Amino acid sequence: MTSTPNTSNARQGEPTILIVEDDPAMRTLLEHYLRQQNYKVILTSDGSSALAYFEPENQPPDIVVTDVNLPGMNGYELIIEFRKRGFNPPVVLLTGYSLDEFDLPENLKVDAILKKPIRLGDLAEVIKRILKTTG
């Protein structure tokens, strides 16, 4: 399923977080929580829709939070594709896999991996840390 990117209620001047999550309940939970933390939030349900934000005419998001298992293009393929396009935003991967068994491809650098179900406080800490180190 391809979704149209949703930027409704985005506020100016705050860091922008792109959420790529196919589960509507999880997407809504992340959106509400991150807006309460004063972030601009962009929502997509699949990798193809997320790639619209990595076109030369667009300002890319400050951070990408993506599920690994997505319909069509998975989270790994999404990261590879936007890096091919010359963009290298910080990435937080969300996965249902056990972190002990999680196998991240060697050539794929991400800033954090969180196991579902995630604790929202953990996500907030990761985002703050990333923003602090990226300026």
C-alpha atoms as a PDB file:
ATOM      1  CA  MET A   1       0.000   0.000   0.000  1.00  0.00           C
ATOM      2  CA  THR A   2       1.418   3.392  -0.969  1.00  0.00           C
ATOM      3  CA  SER A   3       0.456   6.341   1.165  1.00  0.00           C
ATOM      4  CA  THR A   4       0.599  10.024   0.503  1.00  0.00           C
ATOM      5  CA  PRO A   5       3.054  11.716   2.868  1.00  0.00           C
ATOM      6  CA  ASN A   6       1.257  13.532   5.674  1.00  0.00           C
ATOM      7  CA  THR A   7       2.701  16.808   6.905  1.00  0.00           C
ATOM      8  CA  SER A   8      -0.437  18.180   8.535  1.00  0.00           C
ATOM      9  CA  ASN A   9       0.057  20.180  11.699  1.00  0.00           C
ATOM     10  CA  ALA A  10       3.813  20.445  11.123  1.00  0.00           C
ATOM     11  CA  ARG A  11       5.239  23.381  13.068  1.00  0.00           C
ATOM     12  CA  GLN A  12       8.015  25.643  11.828  1.00  0.00           C
ATOM     13  CA  GLY A  13      11.462  25.850  13.416  1.00  0.00           C
ATOM     14  CA  GLU A  14      11.487  22.487  15.149  1.00  0.00           C
ATOM     15  CA  PRO A  15      13.441  19.382  14.140  1.00  0.00           C
ATOM     16  CA  THR A  16      11.607  17.261  11.602  1.00  0.00           C
ATOM     17  CA  ILE A  17      11.250  13.530  12.107  1.00  0.00           C
ATOM     18  CA  LEU A  18      10.121  11.258   9.299  1.00  0.00           C
ATOM     19  CA  ILE A  19       8.263   8.210  10.625  1.00  0.00           C
ATOM     20  CA  VAL A  20       8.078   5.250   8.224  1.00  0.00           C
ATOM     21  CA  GLU A  21       5.781   2.694   9.834  1.00  0.00           C
ATOM     22  CA  ASP A  22       3.151   0.477   8.222  1.00  0.00           C
ATOM     23  CA  ASP A  23       1.209  -0.257  11.426  1.00  0.00           C
ATOM     24  CA  PRO A  24      -1.406   2.534  11.720  1.00  0.00           C
ATOM     25  CA  ALA A  25      -1.681   2.266  15.518  1.00  0.00           C
ATOM     26  CA  MET A  26       2.098   2.472  15.989  1.00  0.00           C
ATOM     27  CA  ARG A  27       2.332   5.354  13.489  1.00  0.00           C
ATOM     28  CA  THR A  28      -0.357   7.291  15.373  1.00  0.00           C
ATOM     29  CA  LEU A  29       1.250   6.600  18.751  1.00  0.00           C
ATOM     30  CA  LEU A  30       4.641   7.827  17.518  1.00  0.00           C
ATOM     31  CA  GLU A  31       3.083  10.888  15.890  1.00  0.00           C
ATOM     32  CA  HIS A  32       1.218  11.995  19.011  1.00  0.00           C
ATOM     33  CA  TYR A  33       4.154  11.387  21.309  1.00  0.00           C
ATOM     34  CA  LEU A  34       6.713  13.168  19.134  1.00  0.00           C
ATOM     35  CA  ARG A  35       4.408  16.155  18.562  1.00  0.00           C
ATOM     36  CA  GLN A  36       4.056  16.428  22.353  1.00  0.00           C
ATOM     37  CA  GLN A  37       7.859  16.553  22.461  1.00  0.00           C
ATOM     38  CA  ASN A  38       7.677  19.555  20.058  1.00  0.00           C
ATOM     39  CA  TYR A  39       8.951  17.855  16.916  1.00  0.00           C
ATOM     40  CA  LYS A  40       7.563  18.295  13.448  1.00  0.00           C
ATOM     41  CA  VAL A  41       6.409  14.881  12.302  1.00  0.00           C
ATOM     42  CA  ILE A  42       6.006  13.528   8.795  1.00  0.00           C
ATOM     43  CA  LEU A  43       4.198  10.207   8.439  1.00  0.00           C
ATOM     44  CA  THR A  44       4.464   7.582   5.738  1.00  0.00           C
ATOM     45  CA  SER A  45       3.466   3.940   5.703  1.00  0.00           C
ATOM     46  CA  ASP A  46       6.044   2.637   3.228  1.00  0.00           C
ATOM     47  CA  GLY A  47       9.486   3.235   1.778  1.00  0.00           C
ATOM     48  CA  SER A  48       8.321   4.478  -1.598  1.00  0.00           C
ATOM     49  CA  SER A  49       6.347   7.319  -0.010  1.00  0.00           C
ATOM     50  CA  ALA A  50       9.253   8.158   2.274  1.00  0.00           C
ATOM     51  CA  LEU A  51      11.573   8.609  -0.709  1.00  0.00           C
ATOM     52  CA  ALA A  52       9.570  11.669  -1.786  1.00  0.00           C
ATOM     53  CA  TYR A  53      11.363  13.539   1.009  1.00  0.00           C
ATOM     54  CA  PHE A  54      14.748  12.682  -0.493  1.00  0.00           C
ATOM     55  CA  GLU A  55      14.380  14.514  -3.786  1.00  0.00           C
ATOM     56  CA  PRO A  56      16.744  17.421  -4.536  1.00  0.00           C
ATOM     57  CA  GLU A  57      13.946  20.001  -4.357  1.00  0.00           C
ATOM     58  CA  ASN A  58      12.877  18.962  -0.855  1.00  0.00           C
ATOM     59  CA  GLN A  59      14.364  19.709   2.529  1.00  0.00           C
ATOM     60  CA  PRO A  60      15.106  16.277   4.004  1.00  0.00           C
ATOM     61  CA  PRO A  61      14.015  15.443   7.549  1.00  0.00           C
ATOM     62  CA  ASP A  62      16.455  15.791  10.433  1.00  0.00           C
ATOM     63  CA  ILE A  63      15.947  12.181  11.548  1.00  0.00           C
ATOM     64  CA  VAL A  64      14.343   9.099   9.996  1.00  0.00           C
ATOM     65  CA  VAL A  65      12.619   6.587  12.264  1.00  0.00           C
ATOM     66  CA  THR A  66      11.759   3.504  10.216  1.00  0.00           C
ATOM     67  CA  ASP A  67      10.435   0.042  10.771  1.00  0.00           C
ATOM     68  CA  VAL A  68      12.590  -2.705   9.289  1.00  0.00           C
ATOM     69  CA  ASN A  69       9.680  -4.750   7.919  1.00  0.00           C
ATOM     70  CA  LEU A  70       7.706  -2.586   5.518  1.00  0.00           C
ATOM     71  CA  PRO A  71       5.562  -3.525   2.535  1.00  0.00           C
ATOM     72  CA  GLY A  72       7.464  -3.333  -0.742  1.00  0.00           C
ATOM     73  CA  MET A  73      10.766  -1.661   0.092  1.00  0.00           C
ATOM     74  CA  ASN A  74      12.001  -2.680   3.551  1.00  0.00           C
ATOM     75  CA  GLY A  75      13.789  -0.360   5.977  1.00  0.00           C
ATOM     76  CA  TYR A  76      17.261  -1.455   4.832  1.00  0.00           C
ATOM     77  CA  GLU A  77      16.444  -0.821   1.181  1.00  0.00           C
ATOM     78  CA  LEU A  78      14.995   2.570   2.090  1.00  0.00           C
ATOM     79  CA  ILE A  79      18.215   3.640   3.818  1.00  0.00           C
ATOM     80  CA  ILE A  80      20.329   2.443   0.903  1.00  0.00           C
ATOM     81  CA  GLU A  81      18.106   4.273  -1.581  1.00  0.00           C
ATOM     82  CA  PHE A  82      18.167   7.659   0.119  1.00  0.00           C
ATOM     83  CA  ARG A  83      21.924   7.415   0.550  1.00  0.00           C
ATOM     84  CA  LYS A  84      22.226   6.688  -3.172  1.00  0.00           C
ATOM     85  CA  ARG A  85      20.385   9.977  -3.661  1.00  0.00           C
ATOM     86  CA  GLY A  86      23.045  11.816  -1.654  1.00  0.00           C
ATOM     87  CA  PHE A  87      21.212  12.106   1.651  1.00  0.00           C
ATOM     88  CA  ASN A  88      22.588  10.764   4.922  1.00  0.00           C
ATOM     89  CA  PRO A  89      20.228  11.683   7.768  1.00  0.00           C
ATOM     90  CA  PRO A  90      20.477   9.954  11.128  1.00  0.00           C
ATOM     91  CA  VAL A  91      18.400   6.759  11.215  1.00  0.00           C
ATOM     92  CA  VAL A  92      16.618   4.969  14.034  1.00  0.00           C
ATOM     93  CA  LEU A  93      15.511   1.439  13.126  1.00  0.00           C
ATOM     94  CA  LEU A  94      12.504  -0.142  14.807  1.00  0.00           C
ATOM     95  CA  THR A  95      12.355  -3.930  14.790  1.00  0.00           C
ATOM     96  CA  GLY A  96      10.301  -6.724  16.226  1.00  0.00           C
ATOM     97  CA  TYR A  97      13.324  -9.014  16.058  1.00  0.00           C
ATOM     98  CA  SER A  98      15.296  -9.833  19.176  1.00  0.00           C
ATOM     99  CA  LEU A  99      18.306  -7.544  19.333  1.00  0.00           C
ATOM    100  CA  ASP A 100      20.470 -10.608  20.044  1.00  0.00           C
ATOM    101  CA  GLU A 101      19.363 -12.087  16.723  1.00  0.00           C
ATOM    102  CA  PHE A 102      19.227  -8.829  14.803  1.00  0.00           C
ATOM    103  CA  ASP A 103      21.541  -8.898  11.805  1.00  0.00           C
ATOM    104  CA  LEU A 104      22.260  -5.448  10.406  1.00  0.00           C
ATOM    105  CA  PRO A 105      23.982  -5.553   7.021  1.00  0.00           C
ATOM    106  CA  GLU A 106      27.658  -4.608   7.418  1.00  0.00           C
ATOM    107  CA  ASN A 107      27.506  -1.679   5.011  1.00  0.00           C
ATOM    108  CA  LEU A 108      24.441  -0.148   6.666  1.00  0.00           C
ATOM    109  CA  LYS A 109      25.194   2.399   9.375  1.00  0.00           C
ATOM    110  CA  VAL A 110      22.321   3.420  11.622  1.00  0.00           C
ATOM    111  CA  ASP A 111      22.333   5.605  14.705  1.00  0.00           C
ATOM    112  CA  ALA A 112      20.114   3.442  16.906  1.00  0.00           C
ATOM    113  CA  ILE A 113      18.069   0.260  16.901  1.00  0.00           C
ATOM    114  CA  LEU A 114      15.017  -0.064  19.149  1.00  0.00           C
ATOM    115  CA  LYS A 115      13.120  -3.298  19.703  1.00  0.00           C
ATOM    116  CA  LYS A 116       9.353  -3.267  19.496  1.00  0.00           C
ATOM    117  CA  PRO A 117       7.398  -2.733  21.536  1.00  0.00           C
ATOM    118  CA  ILE A 118       9.461   0.372  22.077  1.00  0.00           C
ATOM    119  CA  ARG A 119       9.419   2.521  25.179  1.00  0.00           C
ATOM    120  CA  LEU A 120       8.589   6.062  24.097  1.00  0.00           C
ATOM    121  CA  GLY A 121      11.036   7.472  26.628  1.00  0.00           C
ATOM    122  CA  ASP A 122      13.830   5.456  24.995  1.00  0.00           C
ATOM    123  CA  LEU A 123      12.923   6.891  21.602  1.00  0.00           C
ATOM    124  CA  ALA A 124      12.921  10.417  23.037  1.00  0.00           C
ATOM    125  CA  GLU A 125      16.383   9.884  24.557  1.00  0.00           C
ATOM    126  CA  VAL A 126      17.768   8.528  21.281  1.00  0.00           C
ATOM    127  CA  ILE A 127      16.369  11.464  19.298  1.00  0.00           C
ATOM    128  CA  LYS A 128      17.760  14.007  21.785  1.00  0.00           C
ATOM    129  CA  ARG A 129      21.184  12.335  21.665  1.00  0.00           C
ATOM    130  CA  ILE A 130      21.196  12.332  17.868  1.00  0.00           C
ATOM    131  CA  LEU A 131      20.143  15.961  17.646  1.00  0.00           C
ATOM    132  CA  LYS A 132      22.783  16.949  20.192  1.00  0.00           C
ATOM    133  CA  THR A 133      25.551  15.262  18.169  1.00  0.00           C
ATOM    134  CA  THR A 134      24.358  16.451  14.757  1.00  0.00           C
ATOM    135  CA  GLY A 135      23.982  20.049  15.745  1.00  0.00           C
END
